Amino acid sequence: VWTYFRHYLNLVMLWSVWAEFDLMPETSKHWEPEDGVWMVWWMKWQIFAPILLLQVLNLFWYYLILRILWR
């Protein structure tokens, strides 16, 4: 369960942000908060970086869990 939810799905989300963010139509890639549109080009990195950092933290925890199970 940990592997699926914390690693596989995180990697799916990372791939989705990395590969599919640029597939959005150009009309939705501008800054207009009053219209509910704020997906400018740098927002890709603002979404990608925290999920990547969470994945790194989850890998560290996974290592600790496996080390305990091994003992």
N, C-alpha and C. Protein backbone atom coordinates (compact mmCIF):
# COMPACT_ATOMS: atom_id res chain seq x y z
N VAL A 1 0.84 -1.19 0.00
CA VAL A 1 0.00 0.00 0.00
C VAL A 1 0.88 1.25 0.00
N TRP A 2 1.91 1.26 0.85
CA TRP A 2 2.80 2.42 0.91
C TRP A 2 3.47 2.66 -0.45
N THR A 3 3.93 1.58 -1.06
CA THR A 3 4.62 1.71 -2.34
C THR A 3 3.69 2.28 -3.41
N TYR A 4 2.47 1.80 -3.45
CA TYR A 4 1.54 2.27 -4.48
C TYR A 4 1.16 3.73 -4.28
N PHE A 5 0.69 4.06 -3.07
CA PHE A 5 0.17 5.41 -2.84
C PHE A 5 1.26 6.46 -2.71
N ARG A 6 2.39 6.11 -2.12
CA ARG A 6 3.42 7.11 -1.86
C ARG A 6 4.48 7.21 -2.94
N HIS A 7 4.62 6.17 -3.76
CA HIS A 7 5.67 6.21 -4.76
C HIS A 7 5.10 6.16 -6.17
N TYR A 8 4.33 5.13 -6.46
CA TYR A 8 3.82 5.01 -7.82
C TYR A 8 2.93 6.20 -8.19
N LEU A 9 1.97 6.54 -7.34
CA LEU A 9 1.07 7.65 -7.68
C LEU A 9 1.80 8.99 -7.68
N ASN A 10 2.80 9.15 -6.82
CA ASN A 10 3.61 10.37 -6.86
C ASN A 10 4.35 10.48 -8.18
N LEU A 11 4.91 9.38 -8.65
CA LEU A 11 5.62 9.40 -9.93
C LEU A 11 4.66 9.66 -11.08
N VAL A 12 3.44 9.14 -10.99
CA VAL A 12 2.44 9.42 -12.02
C VAL A 12 2.11 10.90 -12.04
N MET A 13 1.94 11.50 -10.87
CA MET A 13 1.66 12.94 -10.80
C MET A 13 2.83 13.76 -11.34
N LEU A 14 4.05 13.37 -10.99
CA LEU A 14 5.22 14.09 -11.50
C LEU A 14 5.30 14.01 -13.01
N TRP A 15 5.07 12.82 -13.55
CA TRP A 15 5.10 12.67 -15.01
C TRP A 15 4.00 13.50 -15.66
N SER A 16 2.83 13.52 -15.05
CA SER A 16 1.72 14.28 -15.61
C SER A 16 2.04 15.77 -15.65
N VAL A 17 2.58 16.30 -14.58
CA VAL A 17 2.94 17.73 -14.55
C VAL A 17 4.05 18.00 -15.56
N TRP A 18 5.05 17.13 -15.61
CA TRP A 18 6.19 17.34 -16.51
C TRP A 18 5.79 17.26 -17.98
N ALA A 19 5.01 16.25 -18.34
CA ALA A 19 4.75 15.99 -19.76
C ALA A 19 3.47 16.62 -20.28
N GLU A 20 2.47 16.80 -19.42
CA GLU A 20 1.17 17.23 -19.92
C GLU A 20 0.81 18.67 -19.60
N PHE A 21 1.63 19.35 -18.84
CA PHE A 21 1.34 20.74 -18.51
C PHE A 21 1.32 21.61 -19.76
N ASP A 22 2.24 21.33 -20.68
CA ASP A 22 2.34 22.12 -21.90
C ASP A 22 1.23 21.82 -22.91
N LEU A 23 0.42 20.80 -22.64
CA LEU A 23 -0.68 20.46 -23.54
C LEU A 23 -1.92 21.32 -23.31
N MET A 24 -1.91 22.14 -22.26
CA MET A 24 -3.06 23.02 -22.00
C MET A 24 -3.17 24.04 -23.13
N PRO A 25 -4.38 24.45 -23.45
CA PRO A 25 -4.52 25.45 -24.50
C PRO A 25 -3.89 26.79 -24.08
N GLU A 26 -3.41 27.52 -25.05
CA GLU A 26 -2.75 28.80 -24.77
C GLU A 26 -3.70 29.82 -24.11
N THR A 27 -5.00 29.65 -24.33
CA THR A 27 -5.95 30.59 -23.73
C THR A 27 -6.03 30.44 -22.23
N SER A 28 -5.57 29.32 -21.69
CA SER A 28 -5.62 29.12 -20.25
C SER A 28 -4.26 29.36 -19.60
N LYS A 29 -3.28 29.83 -20.35
CA LYS A 29 -1.94 30.07 -19.82
C LYS A 29 -1.66 31.56 -19.66
N HIS A 30 -2.47 32.20 -18.85
CA HIS A 30 -2.24 33.61 -18.56
C HIS A 30 -2.69 33.89 -17.13
N TRP A 31 -2.39 35.06 -16.65
CA TRP A 31 -2.65 35.41 -15.25
C TRP A 31 -3.87 36.32 -15.18
N GLU A 32 -5.02 35.73 -14.85
CA GLU A 32 -6.25 36.49 -14.64
C GLU A 32 -7.00 35.87 -13.47
N PRO A 33 -6.59 36.18 -12.23
CA PRO A 33 -7.23 35.57 -11.06
C PRO A 33 -8.72 35.87 -10.95
N GLU A 34 -9.15 37.02 -11.43
CA GLU A 34 -10.59 37.33 -11.35
C GLU A 34 -11.43 36.39 -12.20
N ASP A 35 -10.82 35.79 -13.22
CA ASP A 35 -11.51 34.80 -14.05
C ASP A 35 -11.20 33.38 -13.61
N GLY A 36 -10.35 33.22 -12.60
CA GLY A 36 -9.98 31.89 -12.13
C GLY A 36 -8.91 31.24 -12.97
N VAL A 37 -8.12 32.03 -13.69
CA VAL A 37 -7.06 31.49 -14.55
C VAL A 37 -5.72 32.03 -14.06
N TRP A 38 -4.82 31.14 -13.67
CA TRP A 38 -3.50 31.59 -13.21
C TRP A 38 -2.41 30.56 -13.51
N MET A 39 -2.57 29.82 -14.57
CA MET A 39 -1.59 28.78 -14.92
C MET A 39 -0.55 29.32 -15.90
N VAL A 40 0.29 30.22 -15.42
CA VAL A 40 1.36 30.76 -16.26
C VAL A 40 2.50 29.75 -16.34
N TRP A 41 3.53 30.03 -17.15
CA TRP A 41 4.58 29.06 -17.43
C TRP A 41 5.33 28.62 -16.19
N TRP A 42 5.57 29.51 -15.24
CA TRP A 42 6.34 29.16 -14.05
C TRP A 42 5.53 28.34 -13.05
N MET A 43 4.23 28.25 -13.24
CA MET A 43 3.39 27.47 -12.34
C MET A 43 3.71 25.98 -12.45
N LYS A 44 4.22 25.55 -13.61
CA LYS A 44 4.63 24.15 -13.78
C LYS A 44 5.68 23.79 -12.73
N TRP A 45 6.64 24.66 -12.52
CA TRP A 45 7.72 24.39 -11.57
C TRP A 45 7.23 24.55 -10.13
N GLN A 46 6.27 25.43 -9.91
CA GLN A 46 5.72 25.60 -8.57
C GLN A 46 4.91 24.37 -8.15
N ILE A 47 4.39 23.63 -9.09
CA ILE A 47 3.68 22.38 -8.80
C ILE A 47 4.67 21.22 -8.74
N PHE A 48 5.61 21.19 -9.68
CA PHE A 48 6.54 20.05 -9.80
C PHE A 48 7.51 19.95 -8.63
N ALA A 49 8.09 21.06 -8.22
CA ALA A 49 9.14 21.04 -7.18
C ALA A 49 8.65 20.49 -5.84
N PRO A 50 7.51 20.94 -5.30
CA PRO A 50 7.09 20.37 -4.01
C PRO A 50 6.75 18.88 -4.08
N ILE A 51 6.17 18.44 -5.19
CA ILE A 51 5.86 17.02 -5.32
C ILE A 51 7.16 16.22 -5.41
N LEU A 52 8.15 16.75 -6.10
CA LEU A 52 9.45 16.08 -6.19
C LEU A 52 10.11 16.00 -4.82
N LEU A 53 10.07 17.08 -4.06
CA LEU A 53 10.64 17.06 -2.72
C LEU A 53 9.91 16.08 -1.82
N LEU A 54 8.60 15.99 -1.96
CA LEU A 54 7.83 15.02 -1.20
C LEU A 54 8.23 13.60 -1.58
N GLN A 55 8.49 13.37 -2.86
CA GLN A 55 8.92 12.04 -3.31
C GLN A 55 10.27 11.67 -2.70
N VAL A 56 11.19 12.63 -2.64
CA VAL A 56 12.49 12.37 -2.04
C VAL A 56 12.33 12.03 -0.56
N LEU A 57 11.49 12.78 0.15
CA LEU A 57 11.23 12.50 1.56
C LEU A 57 10.59 11.13 1.74
N ASN A 58 9.65 10.78 0.88
CA ASN A 58 9.01 9.46 0.95
C ASN A 58 10.00 8.34 0.68
N LEU A 59 10.95 8.55 -0.22
CA LEU A 59 11.98 7.54 -0.47
C LEU A 59 12.85 7.33 0.76
N PHE A 60 13.16 8.41 1.46
CA PHE A 60 13.94 8.29 2.69
C PHE A 60 13.16 7.49 3.73
N TRP A 61 11.88 7.81 3.91
CA TRP A 61 11.05 7.07 4.85
C TRP A 61 10.93 5.60 4.44
N TYR A 62 10.80 5.37 3.15
CA TYR A 62 10.70 3.99 2.64
C TYR A 62 11.97 3.21 2.96
N TYR A 63 13.11 3.85 2.80
CA TYR A 63 14.37 3.23 3.15
C TYR A 63 14.38 2.85 4.64
N LEU A 64 13.93 3.75 5.51
CA LEU A 64 13.90 3.47 6.94
C LEU A 64 12.94 2.32 7.27
N ILE A 65 11.77 2.31 6.60
CA ILE A 65 10.81 1.23 6.83
C ILE A 65 11.40 -0.12 6.40
N LEU A 66 12.01 -0.16 5.23
CA LEU A 66 12.61 -1.41 4.75
C LEU A 66 13.75 -1.86 5.63
N ARG A 67 14.51 -0.93 6.16
CA ARG A 67 15.62 -1.27 7.05
C ARG A 67 15.10 -1.90 8.33
N ILE A 68 14.00 -1.37 8.87
CA ILE A 68 13.41 -1.95 10.07
C ILE A 68 12.84 -3.33 9.78
N LEU A 69 12.17 -3.48 8.63
CA LEU A 69 11.61 -4.79 8.27
C LEU A 69 12.70 -5.83 8.06
N TRP A 70 13.83 -5.40 7.52
CA TRP A 70 14.92 -6.33 7.26
C TRP A 70 15.48 -6.91 8.56
N ARG A 71 15.54 -6.06 9.56
CA ARG A 71 16.06 -6.51 10.87
C ARG A 71 15.07 -7.44 11.49
